[in-house]
Structure formats: structure tokens, C-alpha cells
Amino acid sequence: MLPGSTENWTLGHSPTPTICEAIKDLYARNVEEFLLLPDGNEIRLDQLVSVGGKLLKTYC
């Protein structure tokens, strides 16, 4: 995904929220990787469960 594109995100929390938002930036801080949304919210990439309906556990 390129910055500015829109995708569905599922986070590893209970209950699991679904976010459909553009990506403003991807970056690392210390040893953690983050995705920045246009509204300023950050999502830790290791908390993602699925992207675009595809489970990420099959990719790691």
C-alpha cells in the first residue's frame, strides 16, 4: 500500500475494531513500526490482525 491509499484494517484488540482509512506515513520508532493515519492516530503494525480481509498471521 502506498501513502494516501485506503484499506480496511483489523487490530488485535477485543472487541476488534475495523478501520477504513488512508495511510499518511509508515515509520519506526525504537524497534516498533507504526502506521500514521491522516487524523494523527498511530497504529503499531504488530497489532494488525488483517489488512484488506487477509489475515496477517499467514504472512509472518
N, C-alpha and C. Protein backbone atom coordinates (compact mmCIF):
# COMPACT_ATOMS: atom_id res chain seq x y z
N MET A 1 0.84 -1.18 0.00
CA MET A 1 0.00 0.00 0.00
C MET A 1 0.88 1.25 0.00
N LEU A 2 0.49 2.20 -0.75
CA LEU A 2 1.21 3.47 -0.81
C LEU A 2 0.53 4.49 0.08
N PRO A 3 1.28 5.45 0.63
CA PRO A 3 0.64 6.51 1.40
C PRO A 3 -0.47 7.17 0.59
N GLY A 4 -1.58 7.44 1.28
CA GLY A 4 -2.72 8.06 0.62
C GLY A 4 -3.74 7.06 0.11
N SER A 5 -3.40 5.76 0.11
CA SER A 5 -4.36 4.76 -0.33
C SER A 5 -5.27 4.37 0.83
N THR A 6 -6.41 3.78 0.53
CA THR A 6 -7.39 3.42 1.54
C THR A 6 -7.47 1.91 1.64
N GLU A 7 -7.56 1.39 2.86
CA GLU A 7 -7.62 -0.05 3.09
C GLU A 7 -8.38 -0.31 4.37
N ASN A 8 -8.89 -1.53 4.55
CA ASN A 8 -9.53 -1.93 5.79
C ASN A 8 -8.48 -2.57 6.69
N TRP A 9 -8.47 -2.15 7.95
CA TRP A 9 -7.51 -2.64 8.94
C TRP A 9 -8.27 -3.28 10.08
N THR A 10 -7.78 -4.40 10.58
CA THR A 10 -8.34 -5.01 11.77
C THR A 10 -7.23 -5.12 12.79
N LEU A 11 -7.48 -4.56 13.98
CA LEU A 11 -6.48 -4.53 15.03
C LEU A 11 -6.68 -5.67 16.01
N GLY A 12 -5.60 -6.08 16.68
CA GLY A 12 -5.64 -7.19 17.62
C GLY A 12 -6.11 -6.80 19.00
N HIS A 13 -7.28 -6.23 19.12
CA HIS A 13 -7.87 -5.86 20.41
C HIS A 13 -9.24 -6.49 20.50
N SER A 14 -9.78 -6.55 21.70
CA SER A 14 -11.12 -7.09 21.86
C SER A 14 -12.02 -6.03 22.46
N PRO A 15 -13.15 -5.67 21.88
CA PRO A 15 -13.58 -6.15 20.57
C PRO A 15 -12.70 -5.58 19.47
N THR A 16 -12.59 -6.28 18.38
CA THR A 16 -11.69 -5.89 17.30
C THR A 16 -12.30 -4.78 16.45
N PRO A 17 -11.69 -3.58 16.47
CA PRO A 17 -12.20 -2.50 15.62
C PRO A 17 -11.74 -2.69 14.17
N THR A 18 -12.53 -2.21 13.26
CA THR A 18 -12.16 -2.20 11.85
C THR A 18 -12.05 -0.75 11.42
N ILE A 19 -10.96 -0.42 10.75
CA ILE A 19 -10.68 0.94 10.32
C ILE A 19 -10.52 0.95 8.80
N CYS A 20 -11.19 1.87 8.15
CA CYS A 20 -11.01 2.07 6.71
C CYS A 20 -10.51 3.50 6.55
N GLU A 21 -9.22 3.65 6.29
CA GLU A 21 -8.59 4.96 6.31
C GLU A 21 -7.38 4.97 5.39
N ALA A 22 -6.97 6.14 4.96
CA ALA A 22 -5.76 6.30 4.15
C ALA A 22 -4.54 6.21 5.05
N ILE A 23 -3.43 5.83 4.46
CA ILE A 23 -2.14 5.80 5.18
C ILE A 23 -1.43 7.11 4.89
N LYS A 24 -1.08 7.82 5.94
CA LYS A 24 -0.32 9.06 5.76
C LYS A 24 1.17 8.78 5.75
N ASP A 25 1.63 7.86 6.63
CA ASP A 25 3.06 7.58 6.73
C ASP A 25 3.27 6.24 7.40
N LEU A 26 4.40 5.61 7.12
CA LEU A 26 4.88 4.42 7.81
C LEU A 26 6.26 4.76 8.36
N TYR A 27 6.52 4.37 9.62
CA TYR A 27 7.81 4.71 10.21
C TYR A 27 8.12 3.79 11.38
N ALA A 28 9.37 3.82 11.84
CA ALA A 28 9.81 3.06 13.00
C ALA A 28 10.24 4.02 14.09
N ARG A 29 9.92 3.64 15.33
CA ARG A 29 10.36 4.39 16.50
C ARG A 29 10.89 3.35 17.47
N ASN A 30 12.15 3.50 17.86
CA ASN A 30 12.85 2.47 18.63
C ASN A 30 12.85 1.20 17.80
N VAL A 31 12.28 0.12 18.28
CA VAL A 31 12.23 -1.12 17.49
C VAL A 31 10.80 -1.43 17.04
N GLU A 32 9.88 -0.48 17.21
CA GLU A 32 8.48 -0.68 16.85
C GLU A 32 8.16 0.05 15.55
N GLU A 33 7.32 -0.59 14.73
CA GLU A 33 6.91 0.01 13.46
C GLU A 33 5.49 0.52 13.58
N PHE A 34 5.22 1.69 13.00
CA PHE A 34 3.92 2.34 13.10
C PHE A 34 3.39 2.76 11.75
N LEU A 35 2.08 2.88 11.70
CA LEU A 35 1.35 3.42 10.58
C LEU A 35 0.67 4.68 11.10
N LEU A 36 0.79 5.78 10.39
CA LEU A 36 0.18 7.05 10.79
C LEU A 36 -1.02 7.32 9.90
N LEU A 37 -2.17 7.62 10.54
CA LEU A 37 -3.39 7.95 9.82
C LEU A 37 -3.49 9.46 9.66
N PRO A 38 -4.26 9.95 8.69
CA PRO A 38 -4.38 11.39 8.46
C PRO A 38 -4.89 12.17 9.67
N ASP A 39 -5.66 11.52 10.55
CA ASP A 39 -6.18 12.21 11.73
C ASP A 39 -5.17 12.26 12.88
N GLY A 40 -3.96 11.72 12.66
CA GLY A 40 -2.91 11.76 13.67
C GLY A 40 -2.81 10.50 14.52
N ASN A 41 -3.77 9.59 14.41
CA ASN A 41 -3.71 8.34 15.16
C ASN A 41 -2.60 7.47 14.62
N GLU A 42 -1.93 6.75 15.53
CA GLU A 42 -0.88 5.81 15.17
C GLU A 42 -1.39 4.39 15.43
N ILE A 43 -0.97 3.47 14.59
CA ILE A 43 -1.26 2.05 14.79
C ILE A 43 0.05 1.30 14.74
N ARG A 44 0.33 0.53 15.81
CA ARG A 44 1.52 -0.33 15.78
C ARG A 44 1.27 -1.47 14.82
N LEU A 45 2.18 -1.69 13.90
CA LEU A 45 1.98 -2.70 12.88
C LEU A 45 1.88 -4.11 13.46
N ASP A 46 2.53 -4.37 14.60
CA ASP A 46 2.44 -5.70 15.19
C ASP A 46 1.08 -5.96 15.85
N GLN A 47 0.21 -4.94 15.89
CA GLN A 47 -1.14 -5.10 16.43
C GLN A 47 -2.17 -5.39 15.34
N LEU A 48 -1.78 -5.30 14.08
CA LEU A 48 -2.70 -5.58 12.98
C LEU A 48 -3.00 -7.07 12.92
N VAL A 49 -4.26 -7.41 12.71
CA VAL A 49 -4.69 -8.79 12.55
C VAL A 49 -4.90 -9.11 11.08
N SER A 50 -5.52 -8.17 10.35
CA SER A 50 -5.73 -8.39 8.92
C SER A 50 -5.70 -7.05 8.19
N VAL A 51 -5.41 -7.14 6.90
CA VAL A 51 -5.43 -5.96 6.02
C VAL A 51 -6.13 -6.39 4.74
N GLY A 52 -7.17 -5.64 4.37
CA GLY A 52 -7.92 -5.97 3.16
C GLY A 52 -8.56 -7.34 3.22
N GLY A 53 -8.92 -7.80 4.43
CA GLY A 53 -9.55 -9.11 4.60
C GLY A 53 -8.59 -10.27 4.62
N LYS A 54 -7.29 -10.02 4.52
CA LYS A 54 -6.30 -11.09 4.55
C LYS A 54 -5.64 -11.14 5.92
N LEU A 55 -5.69 -12.32 6.57
CA LEU A 55 -5.07 -12.49 7.88
C LEU A 55 -3.57 -12.37 7.77
N LEU A 56 -2.98 -11.58 8.65
CA LEU A 56 -1.53 -11.36 8.59
C LEU A 56 -0.73 -12.48 9.23
N LYS A 57 -1.37 -13.30 10.07
CA LYS A 57 -0.62 -14.38 10.71
C LYS A 57 -0.07 -15.38 9.70
N THR A 58 -0.64 -15.40 8.51
CA THR A 58 -0.14 -16.30 7.46
C THR A 58 1.04 -15.69 6.71
N TYR A 59 1.35 -14.43 6.98
CA TYR A 59 2.45 -13.74 6.30
C TYR A 59 3.69 -13.60 7.16
N CYS A 60 3.57 -13.76 8.45
CA CYS A 60 4.72 -13.55 9.35
C CYS A 60 5.35 -14.85 9.76
